[in-house]
Amino acid sequence: MGAGPRRRTLAYRIRRFTELTGKNLASTADHTEVWLAVRAAQALGELI
């Protein structure tokens, strides 16, 4: 067993993220929007 999350756990988390945010990480536009939001939050010190 590897150090990362199991495949089903990761799939569940991605599916849950999509349900909660309405963002589909398979979509380039949505993926980029989420990435930029996370980077901005990190820059502002709102995320670890």
PDB file of N, CA and C in Angstrom:
ATOM      1  N   MET A   1       0.852  -1.189   0.000  1.00  0.00           N
ATOM      2  CA  MET A   1       0.000   0.000   0.000  1.00  0.00           C
ATOM      3  C   MET A   1       0.888   1.240   0.000  1.00  0.00           C
ATOM      4  N   GLY A   2       0.538   2.211  -0.814  1.00  0.00           N
ATOM      5  CA  GLY A   2       1.330   3.425  -0.935  1.00  0.00           C
ATOM      6  C   GLY A   2       1.053   4.423   0.175  1.00  0.00           C
ATOM      7  N   ALA A   3       1.772   5.513   0.132  1.00  0.00           N
ATOM      8  CA  ALA A   3       1.642   6.536   1.172  1.00  0.00           C
ATOM      9  C   ALA A   3       0.441   7.455   0.951  1.00  0.00           C
ATOM     10  N   GLY A   4      -0.054   7.507  -0.284  1.00  0.00           N
ATOM     11  CA  GLY A   4      -1.157   8.409  -0.599  1.00  0.00           C
ATOM     12  C   GLY A   4      -2.509   7.785  -0.320  1.00  0.00           C
ATOM     13  N   PRO A   5      -3.571   8.561  -0.586  1.00  0.00           N
ATOM     14  CA  PRO A   5      -4.925   8.037  -0.364  1.00  0.00           C
ATOM     15  C   PRO A   5      -5.266   6.933  -1.359  1.00  0.00           C
ATOM     16  N   ARG A   6      -6.139   6.075  -0.970  1.00  0.00           N
ATOM     17  CA  ARG A   6      -6.588   5.017  -1.874  1.00  0.00           C
ATOM     18  C   ARG A   6      -7.371   5.620  -3.027  1.00  0.00           C
ATOM     19  N   ARG A   7      -7.409   4.892  -4.125  1.00  0.00           N
ATOM     20  CA  ARG A   7      -8.072   5.383  -5.343  1.00  0.00           C
ATOM     21  C   ARG A   7      -9.534   5.725  -5.081  1.00  0.00           C
ATOM     22  N   ARG A   8     -10.252   4.854  -4.354  1.00  0.00           N
ATOM     23  CA  ARG A   8     -11.672   5.123  -4.082  1.00  0.00           C
ATOM     24  C   ARG A   8     -11.840   6.349  -3.199  1.00  0.00           C
ATOM     25  N   THR A   9     -10.927   6.516  -2.232  1.00  0.00           N
ATOM     26  CA  THR A   9     -11.000   7.683  -1.352  1.00  0.00           C
ATOM     27  C   THR A   9     -10.786   8.962  -2.145  1.00  0.00           C
ATOM     28  N   LEU A  10      -9.803   8.943  -3.032  1.00  0.00           N
ATOM     29  CA  LEU A  10      -9.530  10.113  -3.848  1.00  0.00           C
ATOM     30  C   LEU A  10     -10.704  10.412  -4.773  1.00  0.00           C
ATOM     31  N   ALA A  11     -11.260   9.386  -5.386  1.00  0.00           N
ATOM     32  CA  ALA A  11     -12.420   9.574  -6.272  1.00  0.00           C
ATOM     33  C   ALA A  11     -13.594  10.145  -5.490  1.00  0.00           C
ATOM     34  N   TYR A  12     -13.804   9.655  -4.271  1.00  0.00           N
ATOM     35  CA  TYR A  12     -14.891  10.173  -3.431  1.00  0.00           C
ATOM     36  C   TYR A  12     -14.658  11.649  -3.118  1.00  0.00           C
ATOM     37  N   ARG A  13     -13.437  11.984  -2.748  1.00  0.00           N
ATOM     38  CA  ARG A  13     -13.142  13.373  -2.388  1.00  0.00           C
ATOM     39  C   ARG A  13     -13.329  14.311  -3.566  1.00  0.00           C
ATOM     40  N   ILE A  14     -12.912  13.892  -4.759  1.00  0.00           N
ATOM     41  CA  ILE A  14     -13.099  14.723  -5.953  1.00  0.00           C
ATOM     42  C   ILE A  14     -14.587  14.870  -6.263  1.00  0.00           C
ATOM     43  N   ARG A  15     -15.332  13.765  -6.158  1.00  0.00           N
ATOM     44  CA  ARG A  15     -16.781  13.815  -6.402  1.00  0.00           C
ATOM     45  C   ARG A  15     -17.461  14.736  -5.386  1.00  0.00           C
ATOM     46  N   ARG A  16     -17.049  14.644  -4.128  1.00  0.00           N
ATOM     47  CA  ARG A  16     -17.635  15.483  -3.077  1.00  0.00           C
ATOM     48  C   ARG A  16     -17.297  16.957  -3.305  1.00  0.00           C
ATOM     49  N   PHE A  17     -16.073  17.235  -3.712  1.00  0.00           N
ATOM     50  CA  PHE A  17     -15.668  18.604  -4.036  1.00  0.00           C
ATOM     51  C   PHE A  17     -16.567  19.170  -5.124  1.00  0.00           C
ATOM     52  N   THR A  18     -16.817  18.371  -6.156  1.00  0.00           N
ATOM     53  CA  THR A  18     -17.679  18.794  -7.262  1.00  0.00           C
ATOM     54  C   THR A  18     -19.096  19.075  -6.769  1.00  0.00           C
ATOM     55  N   GLU A  19     -19.613  18.209  -5.902  1.00  0.00           N
ATOM     56  CA  GLU A  19     -20.961  18.410  -5.357  1.00  0.00           C
ATOM     57  C   GLU A  19     -21.051  19.700  -4.558  1.00  0.00           C
ATOM     58  N   LEU A  20     -20.039  19.976  -3.754  1.00  0.00           N
ATOM     59  CA  LEU A  20     -20.072  21.143  -2.873  1.00  0.00           C
ATOM     60  C   LEU A  20     -19.811  22.465  -3.601  1.00  0.00           C
ATOM     61  N   THR A  21     -18.966  22.430  -4.621  1.00  0.00           N
ATOM     62  CA  THR A  21     -18.561  23.674  -5.274  1.00  0.00           C
ATOM     63  C   THR A  21     -19.197  23.902  -6.634  1.00  0.00           C
ATOM     64  N   GLY A  22     -19.679  22.833  -7.257  1.00  0.00           N
ATOM     65  CA  GLY A  22     -20.196  22.949  -8.608  1.00  0.00           C
ATOM     66  C   GLY A  22     -19.089  23.031  -9.648  1.00  0.00           C
ATOM     67  N   LYS A  23     -17.840  22.848  -9.224  1.00  0.00           N
ATOM     68  CA  LYS A  23     -16.693  22.905 -10.128  1.00  0.00           C
ATOM     69  C   LYS A  23     -16.287  21.493 -10.531  1.00  0.00           C
ATOM     70  N   ASN A  24     -16.078  21.291 -11.824  1.00  0.00           N
ATOM     71  CA  ASN A  24     -15.678  19.996 -12.348  1.00  0.00           C
ATOM     72  C   ASN A  24     -14.185  20.054 -12.662  1.00  0.00           C
ATOM     73  N   LEU A  25     -13.372  19.338 -11.902  1.00  0.00           N
ATOM     74  CA  LEU A  25     -11.928  19.411 -12.080  1.00  0.00           C
ATOM     75  C   LEU A  25     -11.455  18.800 -13.394  1.00  0.00           C
ATOM     76  N   ALA A  26     -12.332  18.113 -14.101  1.00  0.00           N
ATOM     77  CA  ALA A  26     -11.993  17.605 -15.434  1.00  0.00           C
ATOM     78  C   ALA A  26     -12.085  18.719 -16.478  1.00  0.00           C
ATOM     79  N   SER A  27     -12.747  19.800 -16.131  1.00  0.00           N
ATOM     80  CA  SER A  27     -12.875  20.957 -17.017  1.00  0.00           C
ATOM     81  C   SER A  27     -11.652  21.857 -16.831  1.00  0.00           C
ATOM     82  N   THR A  28     -10.979  22.183 -17.925  1.00  0.00           N
ATOM     83  CA  THR A  28      -9.787  23.036 -17.835  1.00  0.00           C
ATOM     84  C   THR A  28     -10.124  24.385 -17.205  1.00  0.00           C
ATOM     85  N   ALA A  29     -11.237  24.964 -17.585  1.00  0.00           N
ATOM     86  CA  ALA A  29     -11.627  26.278 -17.048  1.00  0.00           C
ATOM     87  C   ALA A  29     -11.874  26.196 -15.540  1.00  0.00           C
ATOM     88  N   ASP A  30     -12.634  25.194 -15.101  1.00  0.00           N
ATOM     89  CA  ASP A  30     -12.921  25.040 -13.672  1.00  0.00           C
ATOM     90  C   ASP A  30     -11.640  24.724 -12.897  1.00  0.00           C
ATOM     91  N   HIS A  31     -10.814  23.848 -13.451  1.00  0.00           N
ATOM     92  CA  HIS A  31      -9.560  23.473 -12.792  1.00  0.00           C
ATOM     93  C   HIS A  31      -8.668  24.697 -12.602  1.00  0.00           C
ATOM     94  N   THR A  32      -8.558  25.513 -13.635  1.00  0.00           N
ATOM     95  CA  THR A  32      -7.744  26.724 -13.564  1.00  0.00           C
ATOM     96  C   THR A  32      -8.314  27.704 -12.547  1.00  0.00           C
ATOM     97  N   GLU A  33      -9.625  27.864 -12.539  1.00  0.00           N
ATOM     98  CA  GLU A  33     -10.265  28.772 -11.582  1.00  0.00           C
ATOM     99  C   GLU A  33     -10.000  28.340 -10.144  1.00  0.00           C
ATOM    100  N   VAL A  34     -10.134  27.052  -9.884  1.00  0.00           N
ATOM    101  CA  VAL A  34      -9.885  26.530  -8.531  1.00  0.00           C
ATOM    102  C   VAL A  34      -8.419  26.704  -8.169  1.00  0.00           C
ATOM    103  N   TRP A  35      -7.520  26.387  -9.097  1.00  0.00           N
ATOM    104  CA  TRP A  35      -6.086  26.514  -8.837  1.00  0.00           C
ATOM    105  C   TRP A  35      -5.730  27.961  -8.496  1.00  0.00           C
ATOM    106  N   LEU A  36      -6.253  28.909  -9.284  1.00  0.00           N
ATOM    107  CA  LEU A  36      -5.968  30.321  -9.028  1.00  0.00           C
ATOM    108  C   LEU A  36      -6.522  30.766  -7.671  1.00  0.00           C
ATOM    109  N   ALA A  37      -7.707  30.294  -7.321  1.00  0.00           N
ATOM    110  CA  ALA A  37      -8.304  30.653  -6.029  1.00  0.00           C
ATOM    111  C   ALA A  37      -7.471  30.117  -4.865  1.00  0.00           C
ATOM    112  N   VAL A  38      -6.989  28.901  -5.004  1.00  0.00           N
ATOM    113  CA  VAL A  38      -6.153  28.309  -3.950  1.00  0.00           C
ATOM    114  C   VAL A  38      -4.840  29.072  -3.830  1.00  0.00           C
ATOM    115  N   ARG A  39      -4.223  29.380  -4.959  1.00  0.00           N
ATOM    116  CA  ARG A  39      -2.961  30.132  -4.942  1.00  0.00           C
ATOM    117  C   ARG A  39      -3.156  31.519  -4.324  1.00  0.00           C
ATOM    118  N   ALA A  40      -4.260  32.176  -4.649  1.00  0.00           N
ATOM    119  CA  ALA A  40      -4.535  33.498  -4.084  1.00  0.00           C
ATOM    120  C   ALA A  40      -4.731  33.397  -2.574  1.00  0.00           C
ATOM    121  N   ALA A  41      -5.467  32.387  -2.125  1.00  0.00           N
ATOM    122  CA  ALA A  41      -5.682  32.198  -0.693  1.00  0.00           C
ATOM    123  C   ALA A  41      -4.363  31.923   0.017  1.00  0.00           C
ATOM    124  N   GLN A  42      -3.496  31.146  -0.601  1.00  0.00           N
ATOM    125  CA  GLN A  42      -2.174  30.884  -0.016  1.00  0.00           C
ATOM    126  C   GLN A  42      -1.370  32.181   0.073  1.00  0.00           C
ATOM    127  N   ALA A  43      -1.398  32.985  -0.963  1.00  0.00           N
ATOM    128  CA  ALA A  43      -0.650  34.236  -0.986  1.00  0.00           C
ATOM    129  C   ALA A  43      -1.138  35.209   0.081  1.00  0.00           C
ATOM    130  N   LEU A  44      -2.429  35.154   0.367  1.00  0.00           N
ATOM    131  CA  LEU A  44      -3.004  36.032   1.381  1.00  0.00           C
ATOM    132  C   LEU A  44      -2.891  35.460   2.788  1.00  0.00           C
ATOM    133  N   GLY A  45      -2.320  34.265   2.890  1.00  0.00           N
ATOM    134  CA  GLY A  45      -2.126  33.651   4.196  1.00  0.00           C
ATOM    135  C   GLY A  45      -3.378  32.997   4.746  1.00  0.00           C
ATOM    136  N   GLU A  46      -4.366  32.736   3.890  1.00  0.00           N
ATOM    137  CA  GLU A  46      -5.607  32.133   4.341  1.00  0.00           C
ATOM    138  C   GLU A  46      -5.553  30.622   4.315  1.00  0.00           C
ATOM    139  N   LEU A  47      -4.543  30.057   3.691  1.00  0.00           N
ATOM    140  CA  LEU A  47      -4.346  28.603   3.648  1.00  0.00           C
ATOM    141  C   LEU A  47      -2.917  28.293   4.074  1.00  0.00           C
ATOM    142  N   ILE A  48      -2.732  27.094   4.496  1.00  0.00           N
ATOM    143  CA  ILE A  48      -1.377  26.658   4.894  1.00  0.00           C
ATOM    144  C   ILE A  48      -0.554  26.440   3.650  1.00  0.00           C
TER     145      ILE A  48
END
